[in-house]
Amino acid sequence: MTSVYKPNLWSQFIEIAESTPETISFSFQNKNYSFSETHKRAQQLSQSLLYLGIKKGNVVGIFHDKSFDGFCLMLACLRIGAPYVNFDPNTPKQRLIKILSISSPSVIFNLVTELDISGEIIVQSGHKLLTIDELKVPPDQLVVPTVTGTNPAYLMFTSGSTGMPKAAVVSHGSLLNFIHWAKDRFEVTNQDRFTNVNPLFFDNSVFDFYAAIFNGATLCPAPTNLLNKPQELVKWANTHTCTIWFSVPSLLVYLLTLRALSQDNSLESLRSVIFGGEGFPKNKLLKLFEIFSPKADLVNVYGPTEGTCICSAHTVTKQDFADMEKLTTLGKLAANFDYFIEPMDENPNRGELILLGPQVCLGYYNSPEQTSSAFIQNPKHSNYRDIGYKTGDLVELDNNGNFHFLGRKDFQIKHMGHRIELEEIEAAVASIENIDESAVTYEKLNDGMGRILLHFKGSPELRDSTIIDNLKSKIPSYMLPQKIIRHDQLPKNANGKIDRRALLL
């Protein structure tokens, strides 16, 4: 009988690979790979990384194409204790330069066929850009360093309020806790087949990869181009007989709106439809519930990147639709978490949620100031180091121990599943010539979705198209404003600062 305890992620993977070697680990459109094949390839790549000079603690960058080698490269990094970071190949130039300066990767692997401008930036900045084909196999087996639960597994970049992106550092130990929770919560077996519709530079992909592969299930990576082809995406998931789906609500709403999902056209093999990253409009959620109930569970999950992807889950029932105005509850916190609430008023159960426990990440990479402001000592005591993460999410705890989302404490939003600091957009806008002052707000729409609004005062000759073209070189497409509003003067509050509340009236 094997031990439940594992010191690192590679040892967890090895147990799976050795106990079920012929089970399919990755299922692509044209080929399947077993855990035995995956183990062999990942081990080979890890030796090549060591031969290249990559040491424990060195950051490895990856422009990932959702290929077998790309996933094996991630596993190889985990084996030798080199934290990986999956880069977005469409990252605007100025943002990519910031990301490179923060992460300082020892090497960057390009698996994307056409990298366009990103490849030029990397070469110009002096970073080593390689393909996997350029890796050499050492003549002898090299010693693999000792990797413990406190070693970083990956970096995940998120938006930053100062205009600088932040890289959450997630450890092997945090992920081991997450893997075991996911197995118990969703009853994962080696018969399950997970969708991977999420981009690998996006936090939701953590669930896809780790909950599947490290629990002996099969991961089915969806080709990126299918995200804009709803009928084909549903057909793809049906063809791969996927049992567990995870995405942002926006994608499911998109599939519903274009009738790719309906009573007559649904994903028959699914047993769990999991969604998170933003609120799900109740009217759309009801339609989804009617399609999948009772054959599949709908599960609303919540969790910041700094909490290793997910920290709570709630299975939707008919009772959730008694009130069509409120968002679905976030449910109860997972067993790996503790918490406290910083009250926003006289009610001690309403306020900012502070997460504690083994799934809280190590901090922000190469960013001590941002780390110290977001990761704080538990104010209830000073007897020992007990670090909590300030989520910035305002919640209310009900009498049954369920959390309900109330909004954000700061100017951070969730849009199309992406966590965005409005200040990062404002920093990009402020650099545009002929803009005197500006502010960015987020408007909730009647269907429960939202849009980013840019308010500015500036030169009459400045066209909206010029602003958008300029922003495209600075921020990702999901941060671009959907509407631009010109003002003669922006409203100010008593402190002389721009009054964002007044802009939304």
Protein backbone atom coordinates (compact mmCIF):
# COMPACT_ATOMS: atom_id res chain seq x y z
CA MET A 1 0.00 0.00 0.00
CA THR A 2 1.46 3.37 -1.01
CA SER A 3 1.82 6.32 1.32
CA VAL A 4 -0.65 9.19 1.07
CA TYR A 5 2.02 11.70 2.06
CA LYS A 6 4.09 13.15 -0.77
CA PRO A 7 6.95 15.64 -0.32
CA ASN A 8 6.56 17.25 -3.76
CA LEU A 9 4.49 17.21 -6.95
CA TRP A 10 6.82 14.94 -8.91
CA SER A 11 6.49 12.18 -6.29
CA GLN A 12 2.70 12.55 -6.54
CA PHE A 13 2.91 12.22 -10.31
CA ILE A 14 5.27 9.23 -10.12
CA GLU A 15 2.82 7.28 -7.96
CA ILE A 16 0.07 7.88 -10.53
CA ALA A 17 2.31 6.99 -13.48
CA GLU A 18 3.56 3.78 -11.89
CA SER A 19 0.19 2.57 -10.60
CA THR A 20 -1.75 3.26 -13.83
CA PRO A 21 0.90 3.35 -16.57
CA GLU A 22 -1.47 2.60 -19.47
CA THR A 23 -4.16 5.12 -18.49
CA ILE A 24 -4.37 8.03 -20.93
CA SER A 25 -2.90 11.20 -19.43
CA PHE A 26 -3.39 13.55 -22.41
CA SER A 27 -5.95 13.19 -25.17
CA PHE A 28 -5.47 15.41 -28.20
CA GLN A 29 -7.47 15.54 -31.39
CA ASN A 30 -5.22 13.10 -33.22
CA LYS A 31 -3.28 11.25 -30.54
CA ASN A 32 -3.42 9.93 -26.97
CA TYR A 33 -0.50 9.62 -24.57
CA SER A 34 -0.35 7.25 -21.60
CA PHE A 35 0.99 8.11 -18.16
CA SER A 36 3.95 5.85 -18.92
CA GLU A 37 4.79 7.85 -22.05
CA THR A 38 4.30 11.11 -20.19
CA HIS A 39 6.57 9.97 -17.35
CA LYS A 40 9.31 8.97 -19.78
CA ARG A 41 9.20 12.22 -21.77
CA ALA A 42 9.03 14.48 -18.69
CA GLN A 43 11.96 12.66 -17.10
CA GLN A 44 13.98 13.07 -20.29
CA LEU A 45 13.21 16.79 -20.50
CA SER A 46 14.15 17.30 -16.85
CA GLN A 47 17.58 15.80 -17.51
CA SER A 48 17.98 18.08 -20.53
CA LEU A 49 17.10 21.12 -18.40
CA LEU A 50 19.75 20.14 -15.84
CA TYR A 51 22.28 19.66 -18.66
CA LEU A 52 21.38 23.13 -19.94
CA GLY A 53 22.36 24.51 -16.53
CA ILE A 54 18.92 25.11 -15.04
CA LYS A 55 19.11 24.84 -11.26
CA LYS A 56 16.51 24.55 -8.52
CA GLY A 57 14.89 27.95 -8.09
CA ASN A 58 15.63 29.17 -11.64
CA VAL A 59 12.54 30.41 -13.46
CA VAL A 60 11.67 28.76 -16.77
CA GLY A 61 9.42 30.68 -19.15
CA ILE A 62 7.14 28.87 -21.59
CA PHE A 63 5.14 30.11 -24.56
CA HIS A 64 2.77 27.17 -24.40
CA ASP A 65 0.86 25.72 -27.35
CA LYS A 66 -1.10 23.08 -25.38
CA SER A 67 1.09 20.35 -26.88
CA PHE A 68 2.27 17.12 -25.27
CA ASP A 69 5.83 18.45 -25.04
CA GLY A 70 4.56 21.67 -23.47
CA PHE A 71 2.86 19.82 -20.63
CA CYS A 72 5.83 17.48 -20.20
CA LEU A 73 8.07 20.54 -19.92
CA MET A 74 5.93 21.78 -17.03
CA LEU A 75 6.32 18.38 -15.33
CA ALA A 76 10.07 18.47 -15.97
CA CYS A 77 10.33 21.84 -14.23
CA LEU A 78 8.43 20.46 -11.25
CA ARG A 79 10.81 17.51 -11.02
CA ILE A 80 13.94 19.69 -10.69
CA GLY A 81 12.35 22.48 -8.62
CA ALA A 82 12.51 25.15 -11.32
CA PRO A 83 9.31 27.23 -11.16
CA TYR A 84 7.72 27.67 -14.58
CA VAL A 85 5.66 30.58 -15.87
CA ASN A 86 3.39 30.26 -18.90
CA PHE A 87 3.51 33.46 -20.96
CA ASP A 88 0.71 34.81 -23.11
CA PRO A 89 2.05 35.01 -26.70
CA ASN A 90 -0.27 37.96 -27.35
CA THR A 91 0.98 40.05 -24.43
CA PRO A 92 1.55 43.67 -25.55
CA LYS A 93 5.18 44.72 -25.82
CA GLN A 94 5.33 47.06 -22.83
CA ARG A 95 3.61 44.60 -20.52
CA LEU A 96 5.83 41.72 -21.64
CA ILE A 97 8.91 43.81 -20.86
CA LYS A 98 7.58 44.38 -17.33
CA ILE A 99 6.82 40.67 -16.90
CA LEU A 100 10.32 39.71 -18.04
CA SER A 101 11.90 42.22 -15.65
CA ILE A 102 9.95 40.76 -12.72
CA SER A 103 10.34 37.05 -13.46
CA SER A 104 13.92 37.13 -14.86
CA PRO A 105 13.64 33.69 -16.49
CA SER A 106 16.88 31.75 -16.99
CA VAL A 107 15.51 30.41 -20.25
CA ILE A 108 12.31 30.82 -22.28
CA PHE A 109 10.94 28.05 -24.47
CA ASN A 110 8.84 28.88 -27.49
CA LEU A 111 6.34 26.22 -28.51
CA VAL A 112 4.10 28.62 -30.44
CA THR A 113 4.44 28.42 -34.23
CA GLU A 114 4.24 32.17 -34.81
CA LEU A 115 5.45 34.24 -31.86
CA ASP A 116 5.44 37.53 -33.78
CA ILE A 117 6.75 40.54 -31.86
CA SER A 118 7.17 38.70 -28.52
CA GLY A 119 10.12 36.72 -29.84
CA GLU A 120 11.90 39.88 -30.95
CA ILE A 121 11.38 41.51 -27.54
CA ILE A 122 12.85 38.51 -25.73
CA VAL A 123 15.92 38.40 -27.93
CA GLN A 124 16.42 42.18 -27.67
CA SER A 125 16.14 42.03 -23.88
CA GLY A 126 18.95 39.51 -23.72
CA HIS A 127 16.91 36.50 -22.61
CA LYS A 128 17.66 33.03 -23.95
CA LEU A 129 14.87 31.85 -26.31
CA LEU A 130 14.94 28.17 -27.26
CA THR A 131 12.73 25.49 -28.75
CA ILE A 132 12.44 22.07 -27.15
CA ASP A 133 14.19 20.59 -30.18
CA GLU A 134 17.31 22.53 -29.19
CA LEU A 135 17.56 20.72 -25.84
CA LYS A 136 20.34 18.15 -25.61
CA VAL A 137 20.22 14.84 -23.79
CA PRO A 138 23.10 14.42 -21.30
CA PRO A 139 25.43 11.42 -21.79
CA ASP A 140 24.94 10.38 -18.14
CA GLN A 141 22.12 10.69 -15.63
CA LEU A 142 22.44 13.95 -13.70
CA VAL A 143 21.58 14.30 -10.01
CA VAL A 144 18.10 15.71 -9.43
CA PRO A 145 17.97 18.28 -6.63
CA THR A 146 15.85 17.75 -3.52
CA VAL A 147 12.49 19.48 -3.86
CA THR A 148 10.28 20.12 -0.83
CA GLY A 149 6.77 21.39 -0.29
CA THR A 150 7.97 24.96 0.24
CA ASN A 151 9.70 25.18 -3.16
CA PRO A 152 7.87 27.25 -5.79
CA ALA A 153 6.07 25.25 -8.50
CA TYR A 154 4.96 28.08 -10.80
CA LEU A 155 4.46 31.82 -11.13
CA MET A 156 1.07 33.16 -12.22
CA PHE A 157 0.91 36.77 -13.36
CA THR A 158 -2.08 38.94 -12.47
CA SER A 159 -2.90 42.59 -12.95
CA GLY A 160 -1.29 45.11 -10.59
CA SER A 161 -2.80 48.32 -9.20
CA THR A 162 0.46 50.28 -9.67
CA GLY A 163 0.54 49.50 -13.37
CA MET A 164 3.07 46.69 -12.77
CA PRO A 165 1.83 43.09 -13.11
CA LYS A 166 2.24 40.79 -10.09
CA ALA A 167 3.45 37.18 -10.11
CA ALA A 168 1.90 34.97 -7.43
CA VAL A 169 4.35 32.27 -6.30
CA VAL A 170 2.58 28.96 -5.66
CA SER A 171 4.42 26.16 -3.85
CA HIS A 172 4.47 22.38 -4.26
CA GLY A 173 2.85 22.02 -0.82
CA SER A 174 -0.03 24.35 -1.68
CA LEU A 175 -0.73 22.41 -4.86
CA LEU A 176 -0.60 19.03 -3.10
CA ASN A 177 -3.31 20.28 -0.74
CA PHE A 178 -5.32 21.55 -3.70
CA ILE A 179 -4.96 18.25 -5.60
CA HIS A 180 -6.26 16.16 -2.69
CA TRP A 181 -9.13 18.58 -2.07
CA ALA A 182 -10.14 18.47 -5.75
CA LYS A 183 -10.08 14.67 -5.75
CA ASP A 184 -12.36 14.48 -2.71
CA ARG A 185 -14.67 17.32 -3.70
CA PHE A 186 -15.28 16.15 -7.28
CA GLU A 187 -14.67 12.41 -6.69
CA VAL A 188 -12.03 12.30 -9.41
CA THR A 189 -11.04 8.87 -10.76
CA ASN A 190 -8.92 7.62 -13.66
CA GLN A 191 -12.15 7.32 -15.64
CA ASP A 192 -12.59 11.11 -15.71
CA ARG A 193 -11.72 13.28 -18.68
CA PHE A 194 -11.17 16.97 -17.98
CA THR A 195 -11.66 19.75 -20.49
CA ASN A 196 -8.84 22.24 -20.81
CA VAL A 197 -10.51 25.21 -22.49
CA ASN A 198 -8.65 27.70 -20.30
CA PRO A 199 -5.43 29.36 -21.57
CA LEU A 200 -2.40 28.11 -19.65
CA PHE A 201 -1.38 31.64 -18.63
CA PHE A 202 -4.81 31.96 -16.94
CA ASP A 203 -5.33 30.84 -13.32
CA ASN A 204 -8.29 28.55 -14.14
CA SER A 205 -5.92 26.24 -16.04
CA VAL A 206 -4.39 25.25 -12.68
CA PHE A 207 -7.53 23.24 -11.95
CA ASP A 208 -7.46 21.63 -15.39
CA PHE A 209 -3.85 20.44 -15.17
CA TYR A 210 -3.39 19.60 -11.50
CA ALA A 211 -6.82 18.20 -10.59
CA ALA A 212 -6.66 15.91 -13.63
CA ILE A 213 -3.08 14.70 -14.18
CA PHE A 214 -2.10 14.44 -10.51
CA ASN A 215 -5.23 12.42 -9.71
CA GLY A 216 -4.78 9.97 -12.57
CA ALA A 217 -7.46 11.42 -14.85
CA THR A 218 -7.16 12.40 -18.52
CA LEU A 219 -6.67 15.99 -19.66
CA CYS A 220 -8.19 16.97 -23.01
CA PRO A 221 -6.60 20.28 -24.16
CA ALA A 222 -8.96 22.22 -26.41
CA PRO A 223 -7.37 23.93 -29.43
CA THR A 224 -7.31 27.67 -28.81
CA ASN A 225 -9.10 28.52 -32.05
CA LEU A 226 -12.22 26.63 -30.92
CA LEU A 227 -13.03 29.27 -28.31
CA ASN A 228 -14.44 31.44 -31.10
CA LYS A 229 -16.33 28.52 -32.66
CA PRO A 230 -19.00 27.54 -30.12
CA GLN A 231 -20.61 24.73 -32.12
CA GLU A 232 -17.24 23.15 -32.82
CA LEU A 233 -16.13 23.53 -29.20
CA VAL A 234 -19.18 21.62 -27.95
CA LYS A 235 -18.65 18.98 -30.65
CA TRP A 236 -15.00 18.66 -29.59
CA ALA A 237 -15.98 18.11 -25.93
CA ASN A 238 -18.56 15.52 -26.98
CA THR A 239 -16.05 13.70 -29.20
CA HIS A 240 -13.60 13.53 -26.30
CA THR A 241 -16.38 12.30 -23.93
CA CYS A 242 -15.33 14.85 -21.33
CA THR A 243 -16.76 14.34 -17.84
CA ILE A 244 -15.58 17.50 -16.05
CA TRP A 245 -15.79 21.03 -17.48
CA PHE A 246 -14.29 24.15 -15.91
CA SER A 247 -14.45 27.64 -17.37
CA VAL A 248 -15.44 31.20 -16.64
CA PRO A 249 -19.22 31.88 -16.73
CA SER A 250 -18.68 34.15 -19.76
CA LEU A 251 -17.80 31.18 -21.95
CA LEU A 252 -20.86 29.23 -20.86
CA VAL A 253 -23.06 32.29 -21.42
CA TYR A 254 -21.53 32.60 -24.89
CA LEU A 255 -22.37 28.97 -25.66
CA LEU A 256 -25.92 29.46 -24.40
CA THR A 257 -26.46 32.71 -26.32
CA LEU A 258 -25.36 31.16 -29.62
CA ARG A 259 -27.36 28.00 -28.83
CA ALA A 260 -24.33 25.75 -28.91
CA LEU A 261 -25.76 24.44 -25.64
CA SER A 262 -29.46 23.60 -25.48
CA GLN A 263 -31.85 20.88 -24.35
CA ASP A 264 -31.31 19.16 -27.70
CA ASN A 265 -27.59 19.85 -27.93
CA SER A 266 -25.70 19.39 -24.68
CA LEU A 267 -22.57 17.68 -23.46
CA GLU A 268 -23.96 14.23 -22.70
CA SER A 269 -20.88 12.79 -21.00
CA LEU A 270 -20.43 15.63 -18.47
CA ARG A 271 -21.09 14.90 -14.82
CA SER A 272 -19.73 18.19 -13.43
CA VAL A 273 -19.94 21.66 -14.97
CA ILE A 274 -17.71 23.91 -12.85
CA PHE A 275 -17.47 27.66 -13.26
CA GLY A 276 -15.70 30.51 -11.47
CA GLY A 277 -13.75 33.69 -11.88
CA GLU A 278 -16.76 36.02 -12.06
CA GLY A 279 -20.45 36.16 -11.17
CA PHE A 280 -22.87 34.05 -13.23
CA PRO A 281 -26.05 35.97 -14.24
CA LYS A 282 -28.95 34.13 -12.58
CA ASN A 283 -31.20 34.06 -15.66
CA LYS A 284 -28.43 32.44 -17.73
CA LEU A 285 -27.51 30.08 -14.89
CA LEU A 286 -31.12 28.90 -14.71
CA LYS A 287 -31.02 28.00 -18.41
CA LEU A 288 -27.83 26.03 -17.85
CA PHE A 289 -29.39 24.31 -14.84
CA GLU A 290 -32.42 23.29 -16.88
CA ILE A 291 -30.16 21.79 -19.56
CA PHE A 292 -27.92 19.75 -17.26
CA SER A 293 -30.08 18.88 -14.25
CA PRO A 294 -30.13 16.17 -13.00
CA LYS A 295 -27.50 14.43 -15.17
CA ALA A 296 -24.66 16.80 -14.18
CA ASP A 297 -23.84 18.96 -11.18
CA LEU A 298 -23.33 22.68 -11.64
CA VAL A 299 -20.67 23.91 -9.21
CA ASN A 300 -19.87 27.56 -8.46
CA VAL A 301 -16.27 27.89 -7.26
CA TYR A 302 -14.39 30.84 -5.82
CA GLY A 303 -10.75 31.53 -5.17
CA PRO A 304 -8.02 34.07 -5.89
CA THR A 305 -4.80 33.15 -7.68
CA GLU A 306 -3.04 33.69 -4.35
CA GLY A 307 -5.18 30.91 -2.83
CA THR A 308 -4.07 28.28 -5.39
CA CYS A 309 -6.99 28.61 -7.77
CA ILE A 310 -10.01 27.54 -5.64
CA CYS A 311 -10.89 27.93 -1.97
CA SER A 312 -14.66 27.25 -1.94
CA ALA A 313 -17.31 25.40 -3.93
CA HIS A 314 -21.09 25.27 -3.97
CA THR A 315 -23.27 22.81 -5.90
CA VAL A 316 -26.22 24.66 -7.43
CA THR A 317 -29.73 23.45 -6.52
CA LYS A 318 -33.28 24.60 -7.28
CA GLN A 319 -33.22 26.56 -4.04
CA ASP A 320 -30.58 28.89 -5.50
CA PHE A 321 -33.19 30.28 -7.91
CA ALA A 322 -35.67 31.32 -5.22
CA ASP A 323 -34.03 34.75 -5.40
CA MET A 324 -33.16 35.70 -8.98
CA GLU A 325 -31.43 38.95 -7.98
CA LYS A 326 -28.60 37.72 -5.77
CA LEU A 327 -25.54 35.95 -7.08
CA THR A 328 -25.19 32.28 -6.20
CA THR A 329 -23.48 31.70 -2.87
CA LEU A 330 -19.75 30.98 -2.87
CA GLY A 331 -20.41 28.11 -0.50
CA LYS A 332 -18.22 27.00 2.38
CA LEU A 333 -14.44 27.29 2.46
CA ALA A 334 -12.44 24.17 1.63
CA ALA A 335 -10.90 22.25 4.51
CA ASN A 336 -7.44 23.60 3.65
CA PHE A 337 -8.42 27.15 4.60
CA ASP A 338 -9.05 29.27 7.64
CA TYR A 339 -10.17 32.88 7.47
CA PHE A 340 -11.10 36.03 9.27
CA ILE A 341 -13.18 38.97 8.15
CA GLU A 342 -12.16 42.60 8.49
CA PRO A 343 -15.59 44.18 9.14
CA MET A 344 -16.84 46.92 6.81
CA ASP A 345 -19.51 48.07 9.31
CA GLU A 346 -20.95 47.06 12.68
CA ASN A 347 -21.71 43.56 11.37
CA PRO A 348 -18.68 41.33 12.12
CA ASN A 349 -19.76 38.88 9.40
CA ARG A 350 -19.55 41.46 6.59
CA GLY A 351 -16.24 42.73 5.28
CA GLU A 352 -13.00 41.87 3.51
CA LEU A 353 -12.16 38.17 3.41
CA ILE A 354 -8.67 37.30 4.64
CA LEU A 355 -7.58 33.76 3.75
CA LEU A 356 -5.22 31.65 5.85
CA GLY A 357 -3.99 28.09 5.51
CA PRO A 358 -1.65 25.86 3.51
CA GLN A 359 -3.05 26.84 0.10
CA VAL A 360 -2.14 30.53 0.52
CA CYS A 361 0.76 31.21 -1.84
CA LEU A 362 4.27 32.32 -0.90
CA GLY A 363 3.83 35.93 -2.00
CA TYR A 364 4.65 37.90 -5.15
CA TYR A 365 7.84 37.11 -7.01
CA ASN A 366 10.53 39.76 -6.82
CA SER A 367 8.00 42.22 -5.33
CA PRO A 368 8.58 42.59 -1.56
CA GLU A 369 6.48 45.74 -1.19
CA GLN A 370 3.45 44.24 -2.90
CA THR A 371 3.91 41.07 -0.87
CA SER A 372 4.05 42.87 2.47
CA SER A 373 0.90 44.88 1.72
CA ALA A 374 -1.19 41.88 0.62
CA PHE A 375 0.16 39.10 2.87
CA ILE A 376 -0.18 40.03 6.52
CA GLN A 377 0.32 38.52 9.95
CA ASN A 378 -2.91 37.29 11.49
CA PRO A 379 -3.88 40.29 13.67
CA LYS A 380 -5.48 37.98 16.25
CA HIS A 381 -2.06 36.99 17.60
CA SER A 382 1.70 37.48 17.28
CA ASN A 383 2.83 34.21 18.83
CA TYR A 384 4.13 32.74 15.58
CA ARG A 385 4.18 33.43 11.84
CA ASP A 386 0.59 33.05 10.62
CA ILE A 387 0.21 34.71 7.23
CA GLY A 388 -3.11 35.62 5.68
CA TYR A 389 -3.89 36.95 2.22
CA LYS A 390 -6.02 40.09 1.91
CA THR A 391 -8.32 39.10 -0.96
CA GLY A 392 -9.91 42.54 -1.41
CA ASP A 393 -13.23 40.71 -1.80
CA LEU A 394 -16.11 41.90 0.35
CA VAL A 395 -18.19 38.97 1.58
CA GLU A 396 -20.96 38.17 4.02
CA LEU A 397 -21.06 34.99 6.08
CA ASP A 398 -24.57 33.59 6.63
CA ASN A 399 -25.84 31.47 9.52
CA ASN A 400 -25.12 28.27 7.61
CA GLY A 401 -21.44 29.08 7.11
CA ASN A 402 -21.81 30.00 3.45
CA PHE A 403 -20.02 33.01 1.98
CA HIS A 404 -21.79 35.52 -0.28
CA PHE A 405 -19.90 37.89 -2.56
CA LEU A 406 -20.74 41.59 -2.01
CA GLY A 407 -18.17 43.34 -4.23
CA ARG A 408 -14.61 44.60 -4.24
CA LYS A 409 -12.86 46.72 -1.64
CA ASP A 410 -10.62 48.38 -4.20
CA PHE A 411 -10.76 49.04 -7.93
CA GLN A 412 -10.16 45.46 -8.92
CA ILE A 413 -12.75 43.79 -11.13
CA LYS A 414 -13.44 40.39 -12.64
CA HIS A 415 -14.14 40.77 -16.36
CA MET A 416 -14.50 37.81 -18.73
CA GLY A 417 -12.96 35.73 -15.95
CA HIS A 418 -9.81 37.87 -15.78
CA ARG A 419 -8.84 39.69 -12.62
CA ILE A 420 -8.09 43.27 -13.60
CA GLU A 421 -6.85 46.24 -11.63
CA LEU A 422 -8.49 49.31 -13.14
CA GLU A 423 -5.44 51.29 -12.10
CA GLU A 424 -3.29 49.28 -14.54
CA ILE A 425 -5.55 50.39 -17.39
CA GLU A 426 -5.44 53.97 -16.09
CA ALA A 427 -1.62 53.85 -15.99
CA ALA A 428 -1.60 52.85 -19.66
CA VAL A 429 -4.12 55.58 -20.57
CA ALA A 430 -2.12 58.22 -18.70
CA SER A 431 0.86 57.62 -20.99
CA ILE A 432 -1.11 58.60 -24.11
CA GLU A 433 -0.24 62.02 -25.50
CA ASN A 434 -3.01 64.68 -25.44
CA ILE A 435 -4.94 63.06 -22.56
CA ASP A 436 -5.08 65.49 -19.65
CA GLU A 437 -6.76 63.27 -17.07
CA SER A 438 -8.66 60.01 -17.09
CA ALA A 439 -10.41 57.38 -15.05
CA VAL A 440 -11.60 53.86 -15.75
CA THR A 441 -14.82 52.43 -14.33
CA TYR A 442 -16.73 49.18 -14.65
CA GLU A 443 -20.42 49.18 -15.50
CA LYS A 444 -22.65 46.24 -14.60
CA LEU A 445 -25.18 45.45 -17.32
CA ASN A 446 -28.71 44.11 -17.00
CA ASP A 447 -27.71 40.60 -18.05
CA GLY A 448 -25.27 40.37 -15.15
CA MET A 449 -22.20 40.91 -17.30
CA GLY A 450 -20.25 44.17 -17.48
CA ARG A 451 -18.11 46.48 -19.58
CA ILE A 452 -15.02 48.62 -19.04
CA LEU A 453 -15.56 52.36 -19.50
CA LEU A 454 -12.82 54.92 -20.13
CA HIS A 455 -13.56 58.52 -19.10
CA PHE A 456 -11.12 61.19 -20.16
CA LYS A 457 -10.51 64.87 -20.72
CA GLY A 458 -8.16 65.72 -23.55
CA SER A 459 -7.52 67.21 -26.95
CA PRO A 460 -10.62 67.47 -29.19
CA GLU A 461 -8.56 66.08 -32.07
CA LEU A 462 -7.85 62.84 -30.20
CA ARG A 463 -9.90 60.06 -31.77
CA ASP A 464 -11.25 57.04 -29.90
CA SER A 465 -9.61 54.75 -32.45
CA THR A 466 -6.23 56.36 -31.73
CA ILE A 467 -6.67 55.72 -28.01
CA ILE A 468 -7.57 52.07 -28.55
CA ASP A 469 -4.69 51.53 -30.98
CA ASN A 470 -2.29 53.03 -28.45
CA LEU A 471 -3.67 50.88 -25.60
CA LYS A 472 -3.31 47.71 -27.67
CA SER A 473 0.46 48.09 -27.43
CA LYS A 474 0.34 48.39 -23.63
CA ILE A 475 -2.37 46.11 -22.21
CA PRO A 476 -4.03 42.80 -23.16
CA SER A 477 -7.19 42.81 -25.28
CA TYR A 478 -9.39 41.78 -22.34
CA MET A 479 -8.44 45.03 -20.57
CA LEU A 480 -9.42 47.31 -23.47
CA PRO A 481 -12.35 49.67 -22.77
CA GLN A 482 -15.63 48.76 -24.46
CA LYS A 483 -16.76 52.38 -24.37
CA ILE A 484 -14.89 55.70 -24.34
CA ILE A 485 -16.57 58.77 -22.86
CA ARG A 486 -15.17 62.26 -23.38
CA HIS A 487 -15.65 64.88 -20.61
CA ASP A 488 -15.10 68.62 -20.39
CA GLN A 489 -14.23 68.08 -16.73
CA LEU A 490 -14.01 64.91 -14.65
CA PRO A 491 -15.90 65.11 -11.31
CA LYS A 492 -13.80 65.41 -8.17
CA ASN A 493 -14.47 64.45 -4.56
CA ALA A 494 -13.67 66.47 -1.45
CA ASN A 495 -10.03 65.33 -1.56
CA GLY A 496 -9.64 66.63 -5.10
CA LYS A 497 -9.45 63.10 -6.51
CA ILE A 498 -11.52 61.90 -9.46
CA ASP A 499 -14.91 60.74 -8.15
CA ARG A 500 -15.47 57.38 -9.80
CA ARG A 501 -18.83 56.91 -8.12
CA ALA A 502 -20.09 60.11 -9.75
CA LEU A 503 -18.90 58.83 -13.15
CA LEU A 504 -21.17 55.80 -12.81
CA LEU A 505 -24.30 57.86 -12.02
